[in-house]
N, C-alpha and C. Protein backbone atom coordinates (compact mmCIF):
# COMPACT_ATOMS: atom_id res chain seq x y z
N UNK A 1 -109.74 -33.02 34.31
CA UNK A 1 -111.07 -32.46 34.68
C UNK A 1 -112.18 -32.58 33.56
N UNK A 2 -113.40 -32.60 33.90
CA UNK A 2 -114.64 -32.76 33.07
C UNK A 2 -115.56 -31.75 33.53
N UNK A 3 -116.56 -31.68 32.50
CA UNK A 3 -117.65 -30.49 32.72
C UNK A 3 -118.95 -31.29 32.90
N UNK A 4 -119.81 -30.64 33.63
CA UNK A 4 -121.30 -30.69 33.59
C UNK A 4 -122.03 -29.47 33.33
N UNK A 5 -122.74 -29.23 32.25
CA UNK A 5 -123.41 -28.06 31.92
C UNK A 5 -124.81 -28.25 32.27
N UNK A 6 -125.49 -27.27 32.91
CA UNK A 6 -126.89 -27.45 33.22
C UNK A 6 -127.36 -25.98 32.43
N UNK A 7 -128.37 -26.43 31.37
CA UNK A 7 -128.79 -25.29 30.54
C UNK A 7 -130.36 -25.30 30.81
N UNK A 8 -130.96 -24.24 31.35
CA UNK A 8 -132.50 -23.93 31.29
C UNK A 8 -132.67 -23.62 29.71
N UNK A 9 -134.14 -24.08 29.27
CA UNK A 9 -134.46 -23.79 28.01
C UNK A 9 -134.42 -22.32 27.90
N UNK A 10 -134.50 -21.70 26.47
CA UNK A 10 -134.74 -20.38 26.25
C UNK A 10 -136.21 -20.03 26.56
N UNK A 11 -136.38 -18.78 26.50
CA UNK A 11 -137.85 -18.33 26.88
C UNK A 11 -138.86 -19.01 25.93
N UNK A 12 -139.88 -19.61 26.67
CA UNK A 12 -141.07 -20.18 25.98
C UNK A 12 -142.18 -19.33 25.79
N UNK A 13 -143.01 -19.48 24.80
CA UNK A 13 -144.26 -18.56 24.49
C UNK A 13 -144.93 -18.44 26.08
N UNK A 14 -144.87 -19.05 26.70
CA UNK A 14 -145.65 -19.34 27.99
C UNK A 14 -145.01 -18.31 29.11
N UNK A 15 -143.54 -18.45 29.04
CA UNK A 15 -142.78 -17.53 29.74
C UNK A 15 -143.12 -16.09 29.44
N UNK A 16 -143.28 -15.82 28.21
CA UNK A 16 -143.43 -14.52 27.64
C UNK A 16 -144.71 -13.99 28.08
N UNK A 17 -145.73 -15.10 27.87
CA UNK A 17 -147.21 -14.52 28.52
C UNK A 17 -147.23 -14.68 30.09
N UNK A 18 -146.12 -14.92 30.90
CA UNK A 18 -146.29 -14.93 32.29
C UNK A 18 -147.34 -16.13 32.70
N UNK A 19 -147.34 -17.08 32.28
CA UNK A 19 -148.14 -18.25 32.52
C UNK A 19 -147.54 -19.32 33.33
N UNK A 20 -148.06 -20.14 34.25
CA UNK A 20 -147.52 -21.19 34.94
C UNK A 20 -147.51 -22.32 33.63
N UNK A 21 -146.48 -22.91 33.40
CA UNK A 21 -146.34 -23.79 32.57
C UNK A 21 -146.09 -25.39 32.83
N UNK A 22 -145.42 -25.73 33.57
CA UNK A 22 -145.47 -27.06 34.02
C UNK A 22 -145.18 -28.05 32.91
N UNK A 23 -146.12 -29.03 32.98
CA UNK A 23 -145.93 -30.22 32.09
C UNK A 23 -146.52 -29.99 30.54
N UNK A 24 -147.18 -28.55 30.49
CA UNK A 24 -147.72 -28.27 29.30
C UNK A 24 -146.48 -28.00 28.13
N UNK A 25 -146.73 -28.65 26.97
CA UNK A 25 -145.73 -28.85 25.93
C UNK A 25 -145.66 -27.61 25.19
N UNK A 26 -145.38 -26.52 25.43
CA UNK A 26 -145.30 -25.41 24.84
C UNK A 26 -144.06 -25.20 24.23
N UNK A 27 -143.94 -24.42 22.96
CA UNK A 27 -142.42 -24.15 22.32
C UNK A 27 -142.00 -22.98 22.82
N UNK A 28 -140.83 -22.79 22.21
CA UNK A 28 -139.83 -21.55 22.39
C UNK A 28 -140.61 -20.40 21.77
N UNK A 29 -140.36 -19.13 22.38
CA UNK A 29 -140.61 -18.03 21.82
C UNK A 29 -139.51 -17.50 20.86
N UNK A 30 -139.69 -16.60 20.10
CA UNK A 30 -138.80 -16.13 18.86
C UNK A 30 -137.43 -15.89 19.85
N UNK A 31 -137.65 -15.04 21.01
CA UNK A 31 -136.54 -14.54 21.87
C UNK A 31 -135.91 -15.66 22.45
N UNK A 32 -136.67 -17.03 22.69
CA UNK A 32 -136.04 -18.27 23.13
C UNK A 32 -135.25 -19.05 22.35
N UNK A 33 -135.64 -18.90 21.25
CA UNK A 33 -134.58 -19.45 20.09
C UNK A 33 -133.27 -18.59 19.77
N UNK A 34 -133.40 -17.43 20.01
CA UNK A 34 -132.31 -16.61 19.87
C UNK A 34 -131.52 -16.94 21.19
N UNK A 35 -132.04 -17.01 22.28
CA UNK A 35 -131.35 -17.29 23.52
C UNK A 35 -130.61 -18.80 23.52
N UNK A 36 -131.24 -19.73 22.79
CA UNK A 36 -130.72 -20.93 22.58
C UNK A 36 -129.37 -20.99 21.60
N UNK A 37 -129.57 -20.18 20.41
CA UNK A 37 -128.51 -20.03 19.61
C UNK A 37 -127.23 -19.10 20.45
N UNK A 38 -127.52 -18.15 21.25
CA UNK A 38 -126.57 -17.50 21.71
C UNK A 38 -125.72 -18.51 22.82
N UNK A 39 -126.50 -19.26 23.40
CA UNK A 39 -125.93 -20.40 24.39
C UNK A 39 -124.95 -21.12 23.65
N UNK A 40 -125.38 -21.72 22.58
CA UNK A 40 -124.55 -22.54 21.70
C UNK A 40 -123.29 -21.82 21.21
N UNK A 41 -123.43 -20.63 20.83
CA UNK A 41 -122.27 -19.93 20.34
C UNK A 41 -121.23 -19.81 21.74
N UNK A 42 -121.67 -19.53 22.86
CA UNK A 42 -121.09 -19.22 24.10
C UNK A 42 -120.33 -20.65 24.17
N UNK A 43 -120.95 -21.67 24.26
CA UNK A 43 -120.48 -23.18 24.52
C UNK A 43 -119.32 -23.43 23.55
N UNK A 44 -119.55 -23.09 22.15
CA UNK A 44 -118.55 -23.20 21.07
C UNK A 44 -117.09 -22.37 21.39
N UNK A 45 -117.38 -21.38 22.16
CA UNK A 45 -115.95 -20.48 22.62
C UNK A 45 -115.41 -21.15 23.76
N UNK A 46 -116.18 -21.81 24.68
CA UNK A 46 -115.75 -22.47 25.87
C UNK A 46 -114.86 -23.65 25.31
N UNK A 47 -115.39 -24.19 24.36
CA UNK A 47 -114.32 -25.28 23.69
C UNK A 47 -114.51 -26.54 24.38
N UNK A 48 -115.64 -26.98 24.92
CA UNK A 48 -115.90 -28.17 25.58
C UNK A 48 -116.71 -29.21 24.56
N UNK A 49 -116.07 -30.47 24.29
CA UNK A 49 -116.92 -31.44 23.52
C UNK A 49 -117.50 -32.18 24.43
N UNK A 50 -118.95 -32.14 24.13
CA UNK A 50 -119.58 -33.07 24.84
C UNK A 50 -119.69 -34.58 24.60
N UNK A 51 -119.80 -35.56 25.62
CA UNK A 51 -120.05 -36.77 25.22
C UNK A 51 -121.35 -37.40 25.28
N UNK A 52 -122.28 -36.73 26.04
CA UNK A 52 -123.66 -36.96 26.18
C UNK A 52 -124.41 -35.92 26.50
N UNK A 53 -125.71 -35.94 26.01
CA UNK A 53 -126.72 -34.69 26.16
C UNK A 53 -128.07 -35.47 26.72
N UNK A 54 -128.31 -34.82 27.80
CA UNK A 54 -129.69 -35.25 28.15
C UNK A 54 -130.74 -34.15 28.31
N UNK A 55 -132.00 -34.28 28.05
CA UNK A 55 -133.00 -33.19 28.03
C UNK A 55 -134.14 -34.03 28.56
N UNK A 56 -135.18 -33.10 28.79
CA UNK A 56 -136.61 -33.42 29.16
C UNK A 56 -137.37 -33.99 27.90
N UNK A 57 -138.46 -34.40 27.89
CA UNK A 57 -139.50 -34.90 26.75
C UNK A 57 -140.22 -33.59 26.35
N UNK A 58 -140.00 -32.50 26.98
CA UNK A 58 -140.81 -31.44 26.54
C UNK A 58 -140.09 -30.36 25.44
N UNK A 59 -140.80 -29.95 24.42
CA UNK A 59 -140.14 -29.56 23.35
C UNK A 59 -139.35 -28.20 23.50
N UNK A 60 -139.74 -27.42 24.48
CA UNK A 60 -139.00 -26.28 24.70
C UNK A 60 -137.58 -26.54 25.24
N UNK A 61 -137.23 -27.81 25.92
CA UNK A 61 -136.05 -28.07 26.42
C UNK A 61 -135.22 -28.71 25.33
N UNK A 62 -135.87 -29.69 24.59
CA UNK A 62 -134.90 -30.28 23.57
C UNK A 62 -134.70 -29.51 22.43
N UNK A 63 -135.68 -28.55 22.02
CA UNK A 63 -135.48 -27.70 20.92
C UNK A 63 -134.30 -26.66 21.26
N UNK A 64 -134.32 -26.51 22.48
CA UNK A 64 -132.84 -25.53 23.02
C UNK A 64 -131.83 -26.22 22.67
N UNK A 65 -131.67 -27.69 23.10
CA UNK A 65 -130.65 -28.36 22.96
C UNK A 65 -130.22 -28.39 21.60
N UNK A 66 -131.13 -28.78 20.74
CA UNK A 66 -130.97 -29.04 19.30
C UNK A 66 -130.39 -27.67 18.57
N UNK A 67 -131.01 -26.38 19.06
CA UNK A 67 -130.40 -25.35 18.48
C UNK A 67 -128.93 -24.92 18.91
N UNK A 68 -128.60 -25.14 20.26
CA UNK A 68 -127.44 -24.81 20.87
C UNK A 68 -126.52 -25.83 20.37
N UNK A 69 -126.85 -26.98 20.22
CA UNK A 69 -125.67 -27.94 19.75
C UNK A 69 -125.27 -27.58 18.23
N UNK A 70 -126.26 -27.31 17.37
CA UNK A 70 -125.86 -26.91 15.95
C UNK A 70 -124.91 -25.59 15.99
N UNK A 71 -125.35 -24.73 17.00
CA UNK A 71 -124.40 -23.44 17.06
C UNK A 71 -123.12 -23.78 17.61
N UNK A 72 -122.96 -24.81 18.55
CA UNK A 72 -121.81 -25.15 18.99
C UNK A 72 -120.94 -25.98 18.13
N UNK A 73 -121.51 -26.39 16.93
CA UNK A 73 -120.64 -27.27 15.92
C UNK A 73 -120.54 -28.82 16.43
N UNK A 74 -121.71 -29.18 17.59
CA UNK A 74 -121.79 -30.53 17.98
C UNK A 74 -123.19 -31.18 17.52
N UNK A 75 -123.67 -31.00 16.40
CA UNK A 75 -124.80 -31.47 15.81
C UNK A 75 -125.10 -33.07 15.71
N UNK A 76 -123.62 -33.59 15.73
CA UNK A 76 -123.47 -34.94 15.80
C UNK A 76 -124.22 -35.69 17.00
N UNK A 77 -124.45 -34.96 18.08
CA UNK A 77 -124.93 -35.25 19.16
C UNK A 77 -126.33 -35.47 19.26
N UNK A 78 -126.97 -34.99 18.13
CA UNK A 78 -128.56 -34.91 18.15
C UNK A 78 -129.02 -36.44 18.09
N UNK A 79 -128.35 -37.27 17.32
CA UNK A 79 -128.97 -38.70 17.18
C UNK A 79 -128.64 -39.40 18.34
N UNK A 80 -127.96 -39.06 19.28
CA UNK A 80 -127.86 -39.84 20.66
C UNK A 80 -128.18 -39.05 21.85
N UNK A 81 -128.93 -37.88 21.48
CA UNK A 81 -129.48 -37.05 22.65
C UNK A 81 -130.66 -38.14 23.58
N UNK A 82 -130.58 -37.97 24.74
CA UNK A 82 -131.42 -38.63 25.66
C UNK A 82 -132.66 -37.96 26.19
N UNK A 83 -133.74 -38.12 25.69
CA UNK A 83 -134.87 -37.30 26.20
C UNK A 83 -135.68 -38.12 27.61
N UNK A 84 -136.06 -37.77 28.62
CA UNK A 84 -136.52 -38.46 29.52
C UNK A 84 -137.53 -37.62 30.45
N UNK A 85 -138.71 -38.36 30.68
CA UNK A 85 -139.79 -37.62 31.58
C UNK A 85 -139.33 -37.13 33.04
N UNK A 86 -138.45 -37.84 33.57
CA UNK A 86 -137.89 -37.53 34.87
C UNK A 86 -137.17 -36.04 34.93
N UNK A 87 -136.76 -35.54 33.75
CA UNK A 87 -136.16 -34.21 33.64
C UNK A 87 -137.11 -32.83 33.39
N UNK A 88 -138.41 -33.30 33.39
CA UNK A 88 -139.49 -32.28 33.06
C UNK A 88 -139.58 -31.25 34.08
N UNK A 89 -140.08 -30.20 33.60
CA UNK A 89 -140.53 -29.04 34.66
C UNK A 89 -141.33 -29.83 35.75
N UNK A 90 -141.46 -28.98 36.96
CA UNK A 90 -142.44 -29.74 37.80
C UNK A 90 -143.73 -29.48 37.50
N UNK A 91 -144.66 -30.27 37.89
CA UNK A 91 -146.11 -30.19 37.59
C UNK A 91 -146.87 -29.18 38.47
N UNK A 92 -147.28 -28.28 37.76
CA UNK A 92 -148.10 -27.04 38.44
C UNK A 92 -149.57 -27.40 38.87
N UNK A 93 -149.86 -28.59 38.32
CA UNK A 93 -151.55 -28.80 38.65
C UNK A 93 -152.25 -28.08 38.07
N UNK A 94 -153.28 -27.46 39.03
CA UNK A 94 -154.53 -26.77 38.75
C UNK A 94 -154.01 -25.22 38.37
N UNK A 95 -152.78 -24.92 38.51
CA UNK A 95 -152.17 -23.58 38.26
C UNK A 95 -151.65 -23.51 36.70
N UNK A 96 -151.65 -24.75 36.10
CA UNK A 96 -151.03 -24.90 34.63
C UNK A 96 -151.80 -23.84 33.79
N UNK A 97 -151.19 -23.11 33.07
CA UNK A 97 -151.90 -22.12 32.07
C UNK A 97 -152.46 -20.93 32.70
N UNK A 98 -152.41 -20.83 34.17
CA UNK A 98 -152.88 -19.55 34.50
C UNK A 98 -151.75 -18.46 34.42
N UNK A 99 -152.30 -17.18 34.29
CA UNK A 99 -151.45 -16.01 34.31
C UNK A 99 -150.90 -15.92 35.77
N UNK A 100 -149.76 -15.55 36.05
CA UNK A 100 -149.05 -15.60 37.37
C UNK A 100 -149.90 -14.37 38.14
N UNK A 101 -149.88 -13.06 37.36
CA UNK A 101 -150.45 -12.01 38.10
C UNK A 101 -151.87 -12.07 38.55
N UNK A 102 -152.79 -12.71 37.55
CA UNK A 102 -153.92 -12.99 37.83
C UNK A 102 -154.15 -13.91 38.85
N UNK A 103 -153.10 -14.88 39.05
CA UNK A 103 -153.18 -15.94 40.21
C UNK A 103 -152.99 -15.21 41.34
N UNK A 104 -151.92 -14.26 41.59
CA UNK A 104 -151.92 -13.49 42.68
C UNK A 104 -152.95 -12.51 43.23
N UNK A 105 -153.40 -12.13 42.25
CA UNK A 105 -154.59 -11.28 42.56
C UNK A 105 -155.67 -12.23 42.96
N UNK A 106 -155.95 -13.36 42.67
CA UNK A 106 -157.15 -14.26 43.32
C UNK A 106 -156.62 -15.00 44.56
N UNK A 107 -155.38 -15.16 44.78
CA UNK A 107 -155.23 -15.90 45.90
C UNK A 107 -154.06 -15.34 46.92
N UNK A 108 -153.61 -14.17 46.32
CA UNK A 108 -152.78 -13.36 47.08
C UNK A 108 -151.29 -13.69 47.05
N UNK A 109 -150.40 -12.57 47.05
CA UNK A 109 -149.02 -12.71 46.76
C UNK A 109 -148.44 -13.89 47.65
N UNK A 110 -148.72 -13.91 49.07
CA UNK A 110 -148.03 -14.67 49.84
C UNK A 110 -148.15 -16.16 49.53
N UNK A 111 -149.48 -16.46 49.24
CA UNK A 111 -149.94 -17.86 48.78
C UNK A 111 -149.20 -18.32 47.54
N UNK A 112 -149.10 -17.48 46.52
CA UNK A 112 -148.60 -17.76 45.32
C UNK A 112 -146.92 -17.98 45.44
N UNK A 113 -146.48 -17.11 46.24
CA UNK A 113 -144.97 -17.24 46.51
C UNK A 113 -144.71 -18.55 47.25
N UNK A 114 -145.41 -18.97 47.96
CA UNK A 114 -145.40 -20.33 48.95
C UNK A 114 -145.43 -21.54 47.77
N UNK A 115 -146.58 -21.45 47.03
CA UNK A 115 -146.71 -22.56 45.86
C UNK A 115 -145.31 -22.59 44.90
N UNK A 116 -144.85 -21.44 44.60
CA UNK A 116 -143.93 -21.21 43.67
C UNK A 116 -142.37 -21.71 44.18
N UNK A 117 -142.30 -21.24 45.49
CA UNK A 117 -140.76 -21.14 46.02
C UNK A 117 -140.53 -22.12 47.26
N UNK A 118 -141.78 -22.57 47.90
CA UNK A 118 -141.48 -23.30 49.04
C UNK A 118 -140.94 -24.89 48.52
N UNK A 119 -140.07 -25.51 49.74
CA UNK A 119 -139.54 -26.46 49.00
C UNK A 119 -140.71 -27.96 49.08
N UNK A 120 -141.46 -27.85 50.16
CA UNK A 120 -142.40 -28.96 50.30
C UNK A 120 -143.65 -28.61 50.47
N UNK A 121 -144.22 -27.59 49.86
CA UNK A 121 -145.65 -27.07 49.74
C UNK A 121 -146.02 -27.55 48.36
N UNK A 122 -147.18 -28.41 48.19
CA UNK A 122 -147.57 -28.44 46.68
C UNK A 122 -148.60 -27.64 46.28
N UNK A 123 -148.55 -27.00 45.12
CA UNK A 123 -149.53 -26.30 44.56
C UNK A 123 -150.86 -27.44 44.38
N UNK A 124 -152.01 -26.72 44.29
CA UNK A 124 -153.31 -27.52 44.08
C UNK A 124 -153.24 -28.64 42.91
N UNK A 125 -153.06 -29.99 43.37
CA UNK A 125 -152.97 -31.08 42.16
C UNK A 125 -151.63 -31.03 41.63
N UNK A 126 -150.45 -30.27 42.06
CA UNK A 126 -149.16 -30.45 41.39
C UNK A 126 -148.26 -31.07 42.35
N UNK A 127 -146.99 -30.95 41.90
CA UNK A 127 -145.71 -31.24 42.76
C UNK A 127 -144.98 -30.09 43.29
N UNK A 128 -144.43 -30.38 44.61
CA UNK A 128 -143.47 -29.48 45.13
C UNK A 128 -142.19 -29.77 44.70
N UNK A 129 -141.17 -28.97 44.85
CA UNK A 129 -139.76 -28.98 44.42
C UNK A 129 -139.30 -30.31 45.19
N UNK A 130 -139.57 -30.64 46.35
CA UNK A 130 -139.07 -31.90 46.97
C UNK A 130 -139.50 -33.25 46.10
N UNK A 131 -140.96 -33.16 45.67
CA UNK A 131 -141.40 -34.37 44.82
C UNK A 131 -140.24 -34.45 43.59
N UNK A 132 -139.93 -33.25 42.82
CA UNK A 132 -139.20 -33.22 41.69
C UNK A 132 -137.88 -33.92 41.96
N UNK A 133 -137.16 -33.46 43.30
CA UNK A 133 -135.91 -33.97 43.61
C UNK A 133 -135.80 -35.50 43.90
N UNK A 134 -136.84 -35.83 44.86
CA UNK A 134 -136.71 -37.12 45.45
C UNK A 134 -137.40 -38.06 44.44
N UNK A 135 -138.46 -37.94 43.82
CA UNK A 135 -139.36 -38.86 42.94
C UNK A 135 -138.86 -39.09 41.53
N UNK A 136 -138.00 -37.95 40.98
CA UNK A 136 -137.80 -37.82 39.55
C UNK A 136 -136.28 -37.77 39.39
N UNK A 137 -135.64 -36.59 39.77
CA UNK A 137 -134.34 -36.12 39.19
C UNK A 137 -133.30 -36.88 40.02
N UNK A 138 -133.33 -37.03 41.50
CA UNK A 138 -132.35 -37.78 41.88
C UNK A 138 -132.10 -39.09 41.53
N UNK A 139 -133.25 -39.88 41.45
CA UNK A 139 -133.04 -41.43 40.84
C UNK A 139 -132.48 -41.39 39.46
N UNK A 140 -132.97 -40.54 38.63
CA UNK A 140 -132.43 -40.50 37.16
C UNK A 140 -131.14 -40.11 37.31
N UNK A 141 -130.66 -39.18 37.90
CA UNK A 141 -129.33 -38.65 37.85
C UNK A 141 -128.51 -39.78 38.37
N UNK A 142 -128.54 -40.40 39.46
CA UNK A 142 -127.61 -41.20 40.23
C UNK A 142 -127.65 -42.69 39.25
N UNK A 143 -128.48 -42.87 38.49
CA UNK A 143 -128.65 -44.23 37.86
C UNK A 143 -128.08 -43.84 36.36
N UNK A 144 -128.44 -42.67 35.92
CA UNK A 144 -128.09 -42.52 34.46
C UNK A 144 -126.84 -41.51 33.99
N UNK A 145 -126.71 -40.38 34.79
CA UNK A 145 -125.91 -39.35 34.72
C UNK A 145 -124.54 -39.47 35.19
N UNK A 146 -124.63 -39.63 36.76
CA UNK A 146 -123.45 -39.55 37.51
C UNK A 146 -122.54 -40.72 37.20
N UNK A 147 -122.91 -41.79 36.68
CA UNK A 147 -121.69 -42.77 36.46
C UNK A 147 -120.96 -42.35 35.09
N UNK A 148 -121.61 -41.58 34.25
CA UNK A 148 -120.76 -41.07 33.19
C UNK A 148 -119.81 -39.80 33.50
N UNK A 149 -120.49 -38.97 34.57
CA UNK A 149 -119.55 -38.05 35.24
C UNK A 149 -118.41 -38.61 36.05
N UNK A 150 -118.64 -39.70 36.60
CA UNK A 150 -117.54 -40.54 37.53
C UNK A 150 -116.62 -41.06 36.38
N UNK A 151 -116.86 -41.09 35.32
CA UNK A 151 -115.82 -41.84 34.30
C UNK A 151 -115.19 -40.64 33.52
N UNK A 152 -115.42 -39.42 33.94
CA UNK A 152 -114.72 -38.37 33.29
C UNK A 152 -115.39 -37.83 31.92
N UNK A 153 -116.61 -38.06 31.70
CA UNK A 153 -117.29 -37.59 30.56
C UNK A 153 -117.85 -36.21 30.68
N UNK A 154 -118.01 -35.52 29.61
CA UNK A 154 -118.55 -34.09 29.51
C UNK A 154 -120.01 -34.20 29.28
N UNK A 155 -120.86 -33.78 30.05
CA UNK A 155 -122.22 -33.90 29.94
C UNK A 155 -123.04 -32.42 30.00
N UNK A 156 -124.03 -32.48 29.08
CA UNK A 156 -124.84 -31.50 29.10
C UNK A 156 -126.24 -31.89 29.19
N UNK A 157 -127.05 -30.91 30.29
CA UNK A 157 -128.39 -31.32 30.59
C UNK A 157 -129.23 -30.14 30.26
N UNK A 158 -130.09 -30.11 29.23
CA UNK A 158 -131.00 -29.25 28.85
C UNK A 158 -132.47 -29.44 29.60
N UNK A 159 -132.66 -28.60 30.44
CA UNK A 159 -134.03 -28.97 31.11
C UNK A 159 -134.88 -27.51 31.55
N UNK A 160 -135.45 -27.61 32.69
CA UNK A 160 -136.28 -26.42 33.11
C UNK A 160 -135.63 -25.86 34.56
N UNK A 161 -136.40 -24.74 34.75
CA UNK A 161 -136.08 -24.11 35.93
C UNK A 161 -136.11 -25.07 37.03
N UNK A 162 -136.96 -25.68 37.44
CA UNK A 162 -137.25 -26.49 38.69
C UNK A 162 -136.40 -27.79 38.81
N UNK A 163 -136.20 -28.51 37.56
CA UNK A 163 -135.63 -29.53 37.36
C UNK A 163 -134.10 -29.25 37.49
N UNK A 164 -133.75 -28.15 36.95
CA UNK A 164 -132.41 -27.74 37.35
C UNK A 164 -132.17 -27.32 38.68
N UNK A 165 -133.00 -26.64 39.28
CA UNK A 165 -132.83 -26.17 40.81
C UNK A 165 -132.73 -27.58 41.52
N UNK A 166 -133.68 -28.50 41.21
CA UNK A 166 -133.46 -29.69 41.86
C UNK A 166 -132.06 -30.39 41.68
N UNK A 167 -131.46 -30.19 40.72
CA UNK A 167 -130.07 -30.70 40.31
C UNK A 167 -128.98 -29.95 41.27
N UNK A 168 -129.41 -28.73 41.47
CA UNK A 168 -128.40 -27.88 42.41
C UNK A 168 -128.53 -28.71 43.71
N UNK A 169 -129.68 -28.95 44.35
CA UNK A 169 -129.63 -29.67 45.54
C UNK A 169 -128.94 -30.99 45.44
N UNK A 170 -129.06 -31.91 44.53
CA UNK A 170 -128.74 -33.04 44.31
C UNK A 170 -127.16 -33.00 44.45
N UNK A 171 -126.53 -31.97 43.63
CA UNK A 171 -125.16 -31.58 43.62
C UNK A 171 -124.39 -31.30 44.92
N UNK A 172 -125.50 -30.82 45.65
CA UNK A 172 -124.85 -30.33 47.17
C UNK A 172 -124.59 -29.13 47.03
N UNK A 173 -124.67 -28.20 45.97
CA UNK A 173 -124.38 -26.80 45.96
C UNK A 173 -125.55 -25.79 46.54
N UNK A 174 -126.62 -26.19 46.66
CA UNK A 174 -127.84 -25.60 47.44
C UNK A 174 -128.35 -26.64 48.28
N UNK A 175 -129.37 -26.29 49.30
CA UNK A 175 -129.94 -26.83 50.21
C UNK A 175 -131.57 -26.46 50.06
N UNK A 176 -132.39 -27.22 50.80
CA UNK A 176 -133.65 -26.86 50.41
C UNK A 176 -133.85 -25.66 51.39
N UNK A 177 -133.06 -25.12 52.04
CA UNK A 177 -133.39 -23.87 52.88
C UNK A 177 -132.88 -22.82 51.81
N UNK A 178 -131.62 -23.07 51.21
CA UNK A 178 -131.28 -21.89 50.27
C UNK A 178 -131.73 -21.73 48.99
N UNK A 179 -132.33 -22.98 48.43
CA UNK A 179 -132.74 -23.05 47.14
C UNK A 179 -133.88 -22.04 46.57
N UNK A 180 -134.44 -21.38 47.50
CA UNK A 180 -135.47 -20.44 47.24
C UNK A 180 -134.73 -19.29 46.51
N UNK A 181 -133.51 -18.90 46.89
CA UNK A 181 -132.85 -17.83 46.30
C UNK A 181 -132.22 -18.00 45.10
N UNK A 182 -132.09 -19.30 44.50
CA UNK A 182 -131.39 -19.78 43.45
C UNK A 182 -132.19 -19.45 42.21
N UNK A 183 -131.67 -18.58 41.24
CA UNK A 183 -132.36 -18.30 39.94
C UNK A 183 -131.33 -18.99 38.71
N UNK A 184 -132.08 -19.49 37.83
CA UNK A 184 -131.34 -19.91 36.69
C UNK A 184 -131.99 -19.31 35.49
N UNK A 185 -131.16 -18.33 34.92
CA UNK A 185 -131.85 -17.50 33.89
C UNK A 185 -132.14 -18.42 32.46
N UNK A 186 -133.16 -18.18 31.78
CA UNK A 186 -133.51 -18.82 30.52
C UNK A 186 -132.12 -18.81 29.51
N UNK A 187 -131.82 -19.76 28.95
CA UNK A 187 -130.77 -19.82 27.88
C UNK A 187 -129.34 -19.39 28.38
N UNK A 188 -129.11 -19.42 29.59
CA UNK A 188 -127.66 -19.24 30.28
C UNK A 188 -127.12 -20.61 30.98
N UNK A 189 -126.24 -21.14 30.04
CA UNK A 189 -125.61 -22.44 30.71
C UNK A 189 -124.98 -21.99 31.86
N UNK A 190 -124.98 -23.02 32.92
CA UNK A 190 -124.34 -22.93 34.12
C UNK A 190 -123.32 -24.13 34.05
N UNK A 191 -122.03 -23.72 34.27
CA UNK A 191 -120.82 -24.69 34.11
C UNK A 191 -120.34 -25.15 35.45
N UNK A 192 -120.29 -26.50 35.38
CA UNK A 192 -119.40 -26.89 36.62
C UNK A 192 -118.15 -27.67 36.04
N UNK A 193 -116.98 -27.38 36.39
CA UNK A 193 -116.00 -28.05 36.19
C UNK A 193 -115.59 -28.97 37.43
N UNK A 194 -115.36 -30.31 37.06
CA UNK A 194 -115.26 -31.39 37.91
C UNK A 194 -113.92 -31.90 37.97
N UNK A 195 -113.26 -32.48 39.21
CA UNK A 195 -112.28 -33.14 39.02
C UNK A 195 -112.35 -34.30 40.06
N UNK A 196 -112.21 -35.52 39.61
CA UNK A 196 -112.45 -36.78 40.43
C UNK A 196 -113.78 -36.66 41.11
N UNK A 197 -114.83 -36.22 40.27
CA UNK A 197 -115.91 -36.26 40.78
C UNK A 197 -116.43 -35.01 41.65
N UNK A 198 -115.58 -34.38 42.01
CA UNK A 198 -115.83 -33.10 42.84
C UNK A 198 -115.81 -31.77 42.05
N UNK A 199 -116.73 -31.11 42.49
CA UNK A 199 -116.98 -29.58 42.05
C UNK A 199 -115.81 -28.65 42.16
N UNK A 200 -115.04 -28.09 41.45
CA UNK A 200 -114.01 -27.36 41.61
C UNK A 200 -114.47 -25.77 41.41
N UNK A 201 -115.28 -25.74 40.26
CA UNK A 201 -115.72 -24.28 40.14
C UNK A 201 -117.27 -24.49 39.41
N UNK A 202 -117.94 -23.39 39.54
CA UNK A 202 -119.32 -23.13 38.90
C UNK A 202 -119.19 -21.74 38.48
N UNK A 203 -119.92 -21.57 37.38
CA UNK A 203 -120.26 -20.10 36.96
C UNK A 203 -121.15 -20.27 35.69
N UNK A 204 -121.90 -18.95 35.70
CA UNK A 204 -122.77 -19.00 34.48
C UNK A 204 -121.86 -18.65 33.34
N UNK A 205 -122.12 -19.18 32.02
CA UNK A 205 -121.37 -18.71 30.98
C UNK A 205 -122.16 -17.67 30.13
N UNK A 206 -121.62 -16.79 29.72
CA UNK A 206 -122.05 -15.70 28.65
C UNK A 206 -121.25 -15.60 27.56
N UNK A 207 -121.76 -15.21 26.41
CA UNK A 207 -120.74 -15.00 25.34
C UNK A 207 -119.42 -14.05 25.66
N UNK A 208 -119.68 -13.01 26.46
CA UNK A 208 -118.67 -12.25 26.89
C UNK A 208 -117.64 -13.08 27.65
N UNK A 209 -118.07 -13.81 28.71
CA UNK A 209 -117.11 -14.60 29.62
C UNK A 209 -116.28 -15.61 28.64
N UNK A 210 -117.02 -16.10 27.75
CA UNK A 210 -116.42 -17.21 26.93
C UNK A 210 -115.46 -16.74 25.79
N UNK A 211 -115.49 -15.29 25.55
CA UNK A 211 -114.70 -14.75 24.59
C UNK A 211 -113.15 -14.72 25.00
């Protein structure tokens, strides 16, 4: 059996300020750093030794990975951690930096919900989730990550809400129709137990569950 762990970055400063973040390279909040440390402690209790770590090129993701790996006792992986643009959050285009509540007041709840949660409707100047799946995450996963999983390696991916939602579709555990309801909390590792390339179990890891 081997493991794939998907970990959304800890709370960022713009998460805290309720802003659309997208490609903007904002760092973690104090609470986000604490979430990353707690995630690392939970991973240490789980007892999985990772062979490779992938993260996006945005600092809130790779700083989460760095903090978590140090807490998990696997800081040796920092030197070989792979950062790639294809694992970045989706581009929110013209919405980037806007407060979500103010945007709802301006455009209406329904329109903002469509921009945030529909699979194939782009926000102005930005990407829809389908773009993230088909143009970035799926090609990168199939070329770089899946071969390692198929070899039985343990992989950690530290990324973003939408690039990880894209992963759920690629892995076949969600569909374009069901993904709207899928939530990935900040700093909460999602564990997949694999056997011969097939998912046997999936669950969110908390310190309590790992104890």
